[in-house]
All heavy atoms as atom14 arrays in JSON, in Angstrom:
{
  "sequence": "SAEAQGLAPDGDVFLTEEQVQSFQVPSCARCGGPLKPDVVFFGDTV",
  "atom14_mask": [
    [1, 1, 1, 1, 1, 1, 0, 0, 0, 0, 0, 0, 0, 0],
    [1, 1, 1, 1, 1, 0, 0, 0, 0, 0, 0, 0, 0, 0],
    [1, 1, 1, 1, 1, 1, 1, 1, 1, 0, 0, 0, 0, 0],
    [1, 1, 1, 1, 1, 0, 0, 0, 0, 0, 0, 0, 0, 0],
    [1, 1, 1, 1, 1, 1, 1, 1, 1, 0, 0, 0, 0, 0],
    [1, 1, 1, 1, 0, 0, 0, 0, 0, 0, 0, 0, 0, 0],
    [1, 1, 1, 1, 1, 1, 1, 1, 0, 0, 0, 0, 0, 0],
    [1, 1, 1, 1, 1, 0, 0, 0, 0, 0, 0, 0, 0, 0],
    [1, 1, 1, 1, 1, 1, 1, 0, 0, 0, 0, 0, 0, 0],
    [1, 1, 1, 1, 1, 1, 1, 1, 0, 0, 0, 0, 0, 0],
    [1, 1, 1, 1, 0, 0, 0, 0, 0, 0, 0, 0, 0, 0],
    [1, 1, 1, 1, 1, 1, 1, 1, 0, 0, 0, 0, 0, 0],
    [1, 1, 1, 1, 1, 1, 1, 0, 0, 0, 0, 0, 0, 0],
    [1, 1, 1, 1, 1, 1, 1, 1, 1, 1, 1, 0, 0, 0],
    [1, 1, 1, 1, 1, 1, 1, 1, 0, 0, 0, 0, 0, 0],
    [1, 1, 1, 1, 1, 1, 1, 0, 0, 0, 0, 0, 0, 0],
    [1, 1, 1, 1, 1, 1, 1, 1, 1, 0, 0, 0, 0, 0],
    [1, 1, 1, 1, 1, 1, 1, 1, 1, 0, 0, 0, 0, 0],
    [1, 1, 1, 1, 1, 1, 1, 1, 1, 0, 0, 0, 0, 0],
    [1, 1, 1, 1, 1, 1, 1, 0, 0, 0, 0, 0, 0, 0],
    [1, 1, 1, 1, 1, 1, 1, 1, 1, 0, 0, 0, 0, 0],
    [1, 1, 1, 1, 1, 1, 0, 0, 0, 0, 0, 0, 0, 0],
    [1, 1, 1, 1, 1, 1, 1, 1, 1, 1, 1, 0, 0, 0],
    [1, 1, 1, 1, 1, 1, 1, 1, 1, 0, 0, 0, 0, 0],
    [1, 1, 1, 1, 1, 1, 1, 0, 0, 0, 0, 0, 0, 0],
    [1, 1, 1, 1, 1, 1, 1, 0, 0, 0, 0, 0, 0, 0],
    [1, 1, 1, 1, 1, 1, 0, 0, 0, 0, 0, 0, 0, 0],
    [1, 1, 1, 1, 1, 1, 0, 0, 0, 0, 0, 0, 0, 0],
    [1, 1, 1, 1, 1, 0, 0, 0, 0, 0, 0, 0, 0, 0],
    [1, 1, 1, 1, 1, 1, 1, 1, 1, 1, 1, 0, 0, 0],
    [1, 1, 1, 1, 1, 1, 0, 0, 0, 0, 0, 0, 0, 0],
    [1, 1, 1, 1, 0, 0, 0, 0, 0, 0, 0, 0, 0, 0],
    [1, 1, 1, 1, 0, 0, 0, 0, 0, 0, 0, 0, 0, 0],
    [1, 1, 1, 1, 1, 1, 1, 0, 0, 0, 0, 0, 0, 0],
    [1, 1, 1, 1, 1, 1, 1, 1, 0, 0, 0, 0, 0, 0],
    [1, 1, 1, 1, 1, 1, 1, 1, 1, 0, 0, 0, 0, 0],
    [1, 1, 1, 1, 1, 1, 1, 0, 0, 0, 0, 0, 0, 0],
    [1, 1, 1, 1, 1, 1, 1, 1, 0, 0, 0, 0, 0, 0],
    [1, 1, 1, 1, 1, 1, 1, 0, 0, 0, 0, 0, 0, 0],
    [1, 1, 1, 1, 1, 1, 1, 0, 0, 0, 0, 0, 0, 0],
    [1, 1, 1, 1, 1, 1, 1, 1, 1, 1, 1, 0, 0, 0],
    [1, 1, 1, 1, 1, 1, 1, 1, 1, 1, 1, 0, 0, 0],
    [1, 1, 1, 1, 0, 0, 0, 0, 0, 0, 0, 0, 0, 0],
    [1, 1, 1, 1, 1, 1, 1, 1, 0, 0, 0, 0, 0, 0],
    [1, 1, 1, 1, 1, 1, 1, 0, 0, 0, 0, 0, 0, 0],
    [1, 1, 1, 1, 1, 1, 1, 0, 0, 0, 0, 0, 0, 0]
  ],
  "atom14_positions": [
    [[-85.96, -24.78, -134.53], [-85.95, -25.76, -133.45], [-85.42, -27.08, -133.98], [-85.45, -27.33, -135.19], [-87.35, -25.96, -132.87], [-88.22, -26.5, -133.84], [0.0, 0.0, 0.0], [0.0, 0.0, 0.0], [0.0, 0.0, 0.0], [0.0, 0.0, 0.0], [0.0, 0.0, 0.0], [0.0, 0.0, 0.0], [0.0, 0.0, 0.0], [0.0, 0.0, 0.0]],
    [[-84.95, -27.92, -133.08], [-84.38, -29.2, -133.5], [-84.48, -30.2, -132.37], [-84.41, -29.85, -131.19], [-82.92, -29.02, -133.91], [0.0, 0.0, 0.0], [0.0, 0.0, 0.0], [0.0, 0.0, 0.0], [0.0, 0.0, 0.0], [0.0, 0.0, 0.0], [0.0, 0.0, 0.0], [0.0, 0.0, 0.0], [0.0, 0.0, 0.0], [0.0, 0.0, 0.0]],
    [[-84.65, -31.45, -132.74], [-84.6, -32.57, -131.8], [-83.25, -33.24, -131.96], [-82.97, -33.86, -133.0], [-85.72, -33.57, -132.08], [-85.71, -34.79, -131.17], [-86.25, -34.51, -129.77], [-86.94, -33.49, -129.62], [-85.98, -35.29, -128.85], [0.0, 0.0, 0.0], [0.0, 0.0, 0.0], [0.0, 0.0, 0.0], [0.0, 0.0, 0.0], [0.0, 0.0, 0.0]],
    [[-82.39, -33.06, -130.98], [-81.01, -33.55, -131.09], [-80.88, -34.93, -130.46], [-81.52, -35.23, -129.46], [-80.06, -32.58, -130.41], [0.0, 0.0, 0.0], [0.0, 0.0, 0.0], [0.0, 0.0, 0.0], [0.0, 0.0, 0.0], [0.0, 0.0, 0.0], [0.0, 0.0, 0.0], [0.0, 0.0, 0.0], [0.0, 0.0, 0.0], [0.0, 0.0, 0.0]],
    [[-80.02, -35.73, -131.04], [-79.71, -37.05, -130.5], [-78.2, -37.22, -130.44], [-77.5, -36.9, -131.38], [-80.31, -38.16, -131.38], [-81.82, -38.18, -131.41], [-82.43, -38.58, -130.09], [-81.84, -39.37, -129.34], [-83.6, -38.06, -129.78], [0.0, 0.0, 0.0], [0.0, 0.0, 0.0], [0.0, 0.0, 0.0], [0.0, 0.0, 0.0], [0.0, 0.0, 0.0]],
    [[-77.71, -37.71, -129.31], [-76.3, -38.02, -129.19], [-75.48, -36.85, -128.73], [-75.93, -35.71, -128.69], [0.0, 0.0, 0.0], [0.0, 0.0, 0.0], [0.0, 0.0, 0.0], [0.0, 0.0, 0.0], [0.0, 0.0, 0.0], [0.0, 0.0, 0.0], [0.0, 0.0, 0.0], [0.0, 0.0, 0.0], [0.0, 0.0, 0.0], [0.0, 0.0, 0.0]],
    [[-74.25, -37.15, -128.36], [-73.33, -36.16, -127.85], [-71.92, -36.56, -128.27], [-71.54, -37.71, -128.15], [-73.42, -36.12, -126.32], [-72.61, -35.07, -125.58], [-73.12, -33.69, -125.9], [-72.69, -35.33, -124.08], [0.0, 0.0, 0.0], [0.0, 0.0, 0.0], [0.0, 0.0, 0.0], [0.0, 0.0, 0.0], [0.0, 0.0, 0.0], [0.0, 0.0, 0.0]],
    [[-71.16, -35.6, -128.79], [-69.81, -35.88, -129.29], [-68.78, -35.12, -128.46], [-69.1, -34.17, -127.75], [-69.71, -35.5, -130.77], [0.0, 0.0, 0.0], [0.0, 0.0, 0.0], [0.0, 0.0, 0.0], [0.0, 0.0, 0.0], [0.0, 0.0, 0.0], [0.0, 0.0, 0.0], [0.0, 0.0, 0.0], [0.0, 0.0, 0.0], [0.0, 0.0, 0.0]],
    [[-67.5, -35.52, -128.55], [-66.47, -34.92, -127.7], [-66.24, -33.43, -127.91], [-65.78, -32.75, -127.01], [-65.21, -35.72, -128.09], [-65.73, -37.03, -128.58], [-67.02, -36.7, -129.27], [0.0, 0.0, 0.0], [0.0, 0.0, 0.0], [0.0, 0.0, 0.0], [0.0, 0.0, 0.0], [0.0, 0.0, 0.0], [0.0, 0.0, 0.0], [0.0, 0.0, 0.0]],
    [[-66.54, -32.92, -129.12], [-66.26, -31.51, -129.4], [-67.48, -30.62, -129.24], [-67.51, -29.5, -129.74], [-65.67, -31.35, -130.8], [-66.6, -31.87, -131.88], [-67.68, -32.38, -131.54], [-66.26, -31.76, -133.07], [0.0, 0.0, 0.0], [0.0, 0.0, 0.0], [0.0, 0.0, 0.0], [0.0, 0.0, 0.0], [0.0, 0.0, 0.0], [0.0, 0.0, 0.0]],
    [[-68.52, -31.1, -128.55], [-69.72, -30.31, -128.34], [-70.74, -30.49, -129.44], [-71.81, -29.88, -129.41], [0.0, 0.0, 0.0], [0.0, 0.0, 0.0], [0.0, 0.0, 0.0], [0.0, 0.0, 0.0], [0.0, 0.0, 0.0], [0.0, 0.0, 0.0], [0.0, 0.0, 0.0], [0.0, 0.0, 0.0], [0.0, 0.0, 0.0], [0.0, 0.0, 0.0]],
    [[-70.44, -31.32, -130.41], [-71.34, -31.59, -131.51], [-72.51, -32.45, -131.03], [-72.38, -33.2, -130.06], [-70.56, -32.36, -132.59], [-71.14, -32.16, -133.98], [-72.18, -31.49, -134.09], [-70.55, -32.68, -134.93], [0.0, 0.0, 0.0], [0.0, 0.0, 0.0], [0.0, 0.0, 0.0], [0.0, 0.0, 0.0], [0.0, 0.0, 0.0], [0.0, 0.0, 0.0]],
    [[-73.65, -32.33, -131.7], [-74.77, -33.24, -131.49], [-75.2, -33.76, -132.86], [-74.7, -33.33, -133.88], [-75.96, -32.54, -130.79], [-75.57, -32.06, -129.4], [-76.49, -31.38, -131.63], [0.0, 0.0, 0.0], [0.0, 0.0, 0.0], [0.0, 0.0, 0.0], [0.0, 0.0, 0.0], [0.0, 0.0, 0.0], [0.0, 0.0, 0.0], [0.0, 0.0, 0.0]],
    [[-76.14, -34.69, -132.86], [-76.54, -35.33, -134.11], [-77.91, -34.81, -134.53], [-78.89, -34.94, -133.79], [-76.57, -36.85, -133.95], [-75.27, -37.4, -133.4], [-75.28, -38.44, -132.48], [-74.06, -36.87, -133.79], [-74.1, -38.94, -131.96], [-72.86, -37.37, -133.28], [-72.89, -38.41, -132.37], [0.0, 0.0, 0.0], [0.0, 0.0, 0.0], [0.0, 0.0, 0.0]],
    [[-77.99, -34.21, -135.73], [-79.23, -33.71, -136.28], [-79.48, -34.33, -137.65], [-78.54, -34.79, -138.31], [-79.17, -32.18, -136.45], [-78.9, -31.32, -135.21], [-78.78, -29.86, -135.6], [-80.03, -31.49, -134.18], [0.0, 0.0, 0.0], [0.0, 0.0, 0.0], [0.0, 0.0, 0.0], [0.0, 0.0, 0.0], [0.0, 0.0, 0.0], [0.0, 0.0, 0.0]],
    [[-80.72, -34.35, -138.09], [-81.04, -34.84, -139.42], [-80.77, -33.74, -140.45], [-80.71, -32.56, -140.12], [-82.52, -35.25, -139.52], [-83.34, -34.09, -139.36], [-82.86, -36.27, -138.43], [0.0, 0.0, 0.0], [0.0, 0.0, 0.0], [0.0, 0.0, 0.0], [0.0, 0.0, 0.0], [0.0, 0.0, 0.0], [0.0, 0.0, 0.0], [0.0, 0.0, 0.0]],
    [[-80.64, -34.15, -141.71], [-80.41, -33.18, -142.78], [-81.59, -32.22, -142.9], [-81.42, -31.04, -143.22], [-80.17, -33.9, -144.11], [-78.85, -34.67, -144.17], [-77.64, -33.77, -143.95], [-77.65, -32.63, -144.45], [-76.7, -34.21, -143.27], [0.0, 0.0, 0.0], [0.0, 0.0, 0.0], [0.0, 0.0, 0.0], [0.0, 0.0, 0.0], [0.0, 0.0, 0.0]],
    [[-82.81, -32.72, -142.65], [-84.0, -31.87, -142.73], [-83.95, -30.76, -141.7], [-84.35, -29.61, -141.97], [-85.26, -32.71, -142.56], [-85.57, -33.68, -143.68], [-84.65, -34.9, -143.69], [-84.04, -35.19, -142.64], [-84.54, -35.53, -144.75], [0.0, 0.0, 0.0], [0.0, 0.0, 0.0], [0.0, 0.0, 0.0], [0.0, 0.0, 0.0], [0.0, 0.0, 0.0]],
    [[-83.47, -31.07, -140.51], [-83.39, -30.06, -139.46], [-82.37, -28.98, -139.8], [-82.54, -27.82, -139.45], [-83.0, -30.73, -138.14], [-84.08, -31.61, -137.54], [-83.56, -32.41, -136.35], [-82.46, -32.95, -136.38], [-84.35, -32.48, -135.29], [0.0, 0.0, 0.0], [0.0, 0.0, 0.0], [0.0, 0.0, 0.0], [0.0, 0.0, 0.0], [0.0, 0.0, 0.0]],
    [[-81.32, -29.36, -140.5], [-80.22, -28.44, -140.77], [-80.54, -27.45, -141.89], [-80.05, -26.32, -141.9], [-78.95, -29.25, -141.13], [-77.86, -28.36, -141.7], [-78.44, -29.99, -139.89], [0.0, 0.0, 0.0], [0.0, 0.0, 0.0], [0.0, 0.0, 0.0], [0.0, 0.0, 0.0], [0.0, 0.0, 0.0], [0.0, 0.0, 0.0], [0.0, 0.0, 0.0]],
    [[-81.37, -27.86, -142.85], [-81.53, -27.1, -144.09], [-81.94, -25.65, -143.9], [-81.52, -24.78, -144.66], [-82.55, -27.81, -144.99], [-82.0, -29.07, -145.63], [-83.05, -29.83, -146.43], [-84.22, -29.43, -146.46], [-82.64, -30.92, -147.05], [0.0, 0.0, 0.0], [0.0, 0.0, 0.0], [0.0, 0.0, 0.0], [0.0, 0.0, 0.0], [0.0, 0.0, 0.0]],
    [[-82.74, -25.36, -142.88], [-83.23, -23.99, -142.7], [-82.36, -23.17, -141.74], [-82.68, -22.01, -141.47], [-84.67, -24.01, -142.19], [-84.73, -24.63, -140.91], [0.0, 0.0, 0.0], [0.0, 0.0, 0.0], [0.0, 0.0, 0.0], [0.0, 0.0, 0.0], [0.0, 0.0, 0.0], [0.0, 0.0, 0.0], [0.0, 0.0, 0.0], [0.0, 0.0, 0.0]],
    [[-81.28, -23.74, -141.25], [-80.45, -23.04, -140.28], [-79.59, -21.98, -140.96], [-78.93, -22.25, -141.97], [-79.56, -24.04, -139.52], [-78.81, -23.43, -138.37], [-79.45, -23.14, -137.19], [-77.45, -23.16, -138.48], [-78.76, -22.57, -136.12], [-76.75, -22.59, -137.42], [-77.41, -22.3, -136.24], [0.0, 0.0, 0.0], [0.0, 0.0, 0.0], [0.0, 0.0, 0.0]],
    [[-79.57, -20.78, -140.41], [-78.82, -19.67, -140.97], [-77.49, -19.49, -140.22], [-77.47, -19.47, -138.99], [-79.63, -18.38, -140.9], [-80.95, -18.44, -141.64], [-80.75, -18.66, -143.13], [-79.99, -17.93, -143.79], [-81.43, -19.67, -143.68], [0.0, 0.0, 0.0], [0.0, 0.0, 0.0], [0.0, 0.0, 0.0], [0.0, 0.0, 0.0], [0.0, 0.0, 0.0]],
    [[-76.4, -19.34, -140.99], [-75.06, -19.22, -140.4], [-74.51, -17.82, -140.64], [-74.45, -17.37, -141.79], [-74.1, -20.27, -141.01], [-72.71, -20.14, -140.39], [-74.64, -21.68, -140.8], [0.0, 0.0, 0.0], [0.0, 0.0, 0.0], [0.0, 0.0, 0.0], [0.0, 0.0, 0.0], [0.0, 0.0, 0.0], [0.0, 0.0, 0.0], [0.0, 0.0, 0.0]],
    [[-74.1, -17.11, -139.59], [-73.53, -15.78, -139.78], [-72.12, -15.84, -140.37], [-71.43, -16.85, -140.24], [-73.5, -15.19, -138.37], [-73.41, -16.39, -137.49], [-74.17, -17.49, -138.17], [0.0, 0.0, 0.0], [0.0, 0.0, 0.0], [0.0, 0.0, 0.0], [0.0, 0.0, 0.0], [0.0, 0.0, 0.0], [0.0, 0.0, 0.0], [0.0, 0.0, 0.0]],
    [[-71.72, -14.75, -141.0], [-70.36, -14.61, -141.52], [-69.55, -13.72, -140.59], [-70.08, -13.15, -139.63], [-70.4, -14.0, -142.92], [-71.13, -14.82, -143.81], [0.0, 0.0, 0.0], [0.0, 0.0, 0.0], [0.0, 0.0, 0.0], [0.0, 0.0, 0.0], [0.0, 0.0, 0.0], [0.0, 0.0, 0.0], [0.0, 0.0, 0.0], [0.0, 0.0, 0.0]],
    [[-68.27, -13.61, -140.87], [-67.4, -12.75, -140.08], [-67.94, -11.32, -140.07], [-68.24, -10.75, -141.13], [-65.99, -12.78, -140.66], [-64.83, -11.61, -139.91], [0.0, 0.0, 0.0], [0.0, 0.0, 0.0], [0.0, 0.0, 0.0], [0.0, 0.0, 0.0], [0.0, 0.0, 0.0], [0.0, 0.0, 0.0], [0.0, 0.0, 0.0], [0.0, 0.0, 0.0]],
    [[-68.05, -10.73, -138.88], [-68.58, -9.37, -138.77], [-67.62, -8.34, -139.35], [-68.02, -7.23, -139.7], [-68.86, -9.05, -137.3], [0.0, 0.0, 0.0], [0.0, 0.0, 0.0], [0.0, 0.0, 0.0], [0.0, 0.0, 0.0], [0.0, 0.0, 0.0], [0.0, 0.0, 0.0], [0.0, 0.0, 0.0], [0.0, 0.0, 0.0], [0.0, 0.0, 0.0]],
    [[-66.36, -8.73, -139.51], [-65.35, -7.79, -140.01], [-65.23, -7.81, -141.53], [-65.21, -6.76, -142.16], [-64.01, -8.12, -139.37], [-62.86, -7.23, -139.8], [-61.57, -7.67, -139.12], [-60.43, -6.88, -139.54], [-59.18, -7.13, -139.16], [-58.94, -8.14, -138.34], [-58.19, -6.38, -139.58], [0.0, 0.0, 0.0], [0.0, 0.0, 0.0], [0.0, 0.0, 0.0]],
    [[-65.17, -9.02, -142.13], [-64.9, -9.09, -143.56], [-65.93, -9.91, -144.34], [-65.86, -9.97, -145.57], [-63.5, -9.64, -143.82], [-63.37, -11.44, -143.6], [0.0, 0.0, 0.0], [0.0, 0.0, 0.0], [0.0, 0.0, 0.0], [0.0, 0.0, 0.0], [0.0, 0.0, 0.0], [0.0, 0.0, 0.0], [0.0, 0.0, 0.0], [0.0, 0.0, 0.0]],
    [[-66.84, -10.58, -143.63], [-67.85, -11.4, -144.32], [-67.39, -12.8, -144.66], [-68.09, -13.54, -145.35], [0.0, 0.0, 0.0], [0.0, 0.0, 0.0], [0.0, 0.0, 0.0], [0.0, 0.0, 0.0], [0.0, 0.0, 0.0], [0.0, 0.0, 0.0], [0.0, 0.0, 0.0], [0.0, 0.0, 0.0], [0.0, 0.0, 0.0], [0.0, 0.0, 0.0]],
    [[-66.21, -13.2, -144.18], [-65.69, -14.53, -144.48], [-66.33, -15.61, -143.63], [-67.06, -15.34, -142.68], [0.0, 0.0, 0.0], [0.0, 0.0, 0.0], [0.0, 0.0, 0.0], [0.0, 0.0, 0.0], [0.0, 0.0, 0.0], [0.0, 0.0, 0.0], [0.0, 0.0, 0.0], [0.0, 0.0, 0.0], [0.0, 0.0, 0.0], [0.0, 0.0, 0.0]],
    [[-66.08, -16.88, -143.97], [-66.63, -18.0, -143.2], [-65.95, -18.16, -141.85], [-64.76, -17.88, -141.7], [-66.37, -19.21, -144.1], [-65.18, -18.81, -144.92], [-65.29, -17.33, -145.14], [0.0, 0.0, 0.0], [0.0, 0.0, 0.0], [0.0, 0.0, 0.0], [0.0, 0.0, 0.0], [0.0, 0.0, 0.0], [0.0, 0.0, 0.0], [0.0, 0.0, 0.0]],
    [[-66.71, -18.63, -140.87], [-66.21, -18.78, -139.51], [-65.94, -20.24, -139.19], [-66.63, -21.14, -139.67], [-67.23, -18.22, -138.51], [-67.56, -16.72, -138.66], [-68.68, -16.32, -137.71], [-66.32, -15.88, -138.44], [0.0, 0.0, 0.0], [0.0, 0.0, 0.0], [0.0, 0.0, 0.0], [0.0, 0.0, 0.0], [0.0, 0.0, 0.0], [0.0, 0.0, 0.0]],
    [[-64.94, -20.45, -138.34], [-64.53, -21.8, -137.94], [-64.13, -21.77, -136.47], [-63.53, -20.79, -136.01], [-63.34, -22.25, -138.8], [-62.71, -23.57, -138.39], [-61.45, -23.83, -139.22], [-60.7, -25.06, -138.72], [-60.15, -24.84, -137.35], [0.0, 0.0, 0.0], [0.0, 0.0, 0.0], [0.0, 0.0, 0.0], [0.0, 0.0, 0.0], [0.0, 0.0, 0.0]],
    [[-64.44, -22.81, -135.7], [-63.91, -22.86, -134.33], [-62.38, -22.82, -134.35], [-61.75, -23.34, -135.28], [-64.4, -24.21, -133.79], [-65.51, -24.61, -134.7], [-65.22, -24.01, -136.03], [0.0, 0.0, 0.0], [0.0, 0.0, 0.0], [0.0, 0.0, 0.0], [0.0, 0.0, 0.0], [0.0, 0.0, 0.0], [0.0, 0.0, 0.0], [0.0, 0.0, 0.0]],
    [[-61.79, -22.21, -133.35], [-60.34, -22.1, -133.28], [-59.76, -23.4, -132.74], [-59.15, -23.46, -131.67], [-59.94, -20.92, -132.4], [-58.43, -20.67, -132.43], [-57.76, -21.22, -133.32], [-57.94, -19.93, -131.56], [0.0, 0.0, 0.0], [0.0, 0.0, 0.0], [0.0, 0.0, 0.0], [0.0, 0.0, 0.0], [0.0, 0.0, 0.0], [0.0, 0.0, 0.0]],
    [[-59.99, -24.47, -133.5], [-59.5, -25.8, -133.14], [-58.89, -26.47, -134.36], [-59.16, -26.07, -135.5], [-60.63, -26.7, -132.57], [-61.23, -26.07, -131.32], [-61.7, -26.97, -133.61], [0.0, 0.0, 0.0], [0.0, 0.0, 0.0], [0.0, 0.0, 0.0], [0.0, 0.0, 0.0], [0.0, 0.0, 0.0], [0.0, 0.0, 0.0], [0.0, 0.0, 0.0]],
    [[-58.08, -27.48, -134.12], [-57.49, -28.27, -135.2], [-58.42, -29.43, -135.49], [-58.53, -30.37, -134.7], [-56.1, -28.78, -134.81], [-55.5, -29.64, -135.92], [-55.16, -27.62, -134.48], [0.0, 0.0, 0.0], [0.0, 0.0, 0.0], [0.0, 0.0, 0.0], [0.0, 0.0, 0.0], [0.0, 0.0, 0.0], [0.0, 0.0, 0.0], [0.0, 0.0, 0.0]],
    [[-59.13, -29.37, -136.6], [-59.98, -30.48, -137.02], [-59.12, -31.64, -137.49], [-57.94, -31.48, -137.84], [-60.91, -30.05, -138.17], [-62.08, -29.22, -137.75], [-62.55, -28.21, -138.58], [-62.75, -29.44, -136.55], [-63.64, -27.44, -138.22], [-63.84, -28.67, -136.18], [-64.3, -27.67, -137.02], [0.0, 0.0, 0.0], [0.0, 0.0, 0.0], [0.0, 0.0, 0.0]],
    [[-59.72, -32.83, -137.54], [-59.04, -33.99, -138.1], [-58.65, -33.68, -139.55], [-59.43, -33.12, -140.3], [-59.93, -35.22, -138.04], [-59.98, -35.85, -136.67], [-60.7, -35.27, -135.65], [-59.29, -37.02, -136.4], [-60.74, -35.83, -134.38], [-59.32, -37.6, -135.14], [-60.05, -36.99, -134.13], [0.0, 0.0, 0.0], [0.0, 0.0, 0.0], [0.0, 0.0, 0.0]],
    [[-57.44, -34.04, -139.91], [-56.94, -33.77, -141.25], [-56.17, -32.47, -141.36], [-55.54, -32.21, -142.4], [0.0, 0.0, 0.0], [0.0, 0.0, 0.0], [0.0, 0.0, 0.0], [0.0, 0.0, 0.0], [0.0, 0.0, 0.0], [0.0, 0.0, 0.0], [0.0, 0.0, 0.0], [0.0, 0.0, 0.0], [0.0, 0.0, 0.0], [0.0, 0.0, 0.0]],
    [[-56.21, -31.65, -140.32], [-55.44, -30.42, -140.3], [-54.16, -30.66, -139.5], [-53.96, -31.75, -138.93], [-56.28, -29.31, -139.66], [-55.71, -27.91, -139.89], [-54.76, -27.8, -140.69], [-56.2, -26.96, -139.26], [0.0, 0.0, 0.0], [0.0, 0.0, 0.0], [0.0, 0.0, 0.0], [0.0, 0.0, 0.0], [0.0, 0.0, 0.0], [0.0, 0.0, 0.0]],
    [[-53.29, -29.68, -139.43], [-52.05, -29.82, -138.68], [-51.93, -28.71, -137.64], [-52.47, -27.61, -137.82], [-50.83, -29.75, -139.62], [-50.87, -28.51, -140.35], [-50.83, -30.91, -140.59], [0.0, 0.0, 0.0], [0.0, 0.0, 0.0], [0.0, 0.0, 0.0], [0.0, 0.0, 0.0], [0.0, 0.0, 0.0], [0.0, 0.0, 0.0], [0.0, 0.0, 0.0]],
    [[-51.24, -29.01, -136.58], [-50.98, -28.02, -135.54], [-49.99, -26.98, -136.06], [-49.04, -27.32, -136.78], [-50.44, -28.69, -134.26], [-50.16, -27.67, -133.17], [-51.42, -29.74, -133.76], [0.0, 0.0, 0.0], [0.0, 0.0, 0.0], [0.0, 0.0, 0.0], [0.0, 0.0, 0.0], [0.0, 0.0, 0.0], [0.0, 0.0, 0.0], [0.0, 0.0, 0.0]]
  ]
}
């Protein structure tokens, strides 16, 4: 569970580091690699 504050343009919200530490992130179901939204983050190129 988490108490979120704020709202960002990409659907992000603001959480504390303590809230994040226990969160589990799944890997790619096909190869086990890391997952990323299919978007161009700042610092990347189209």
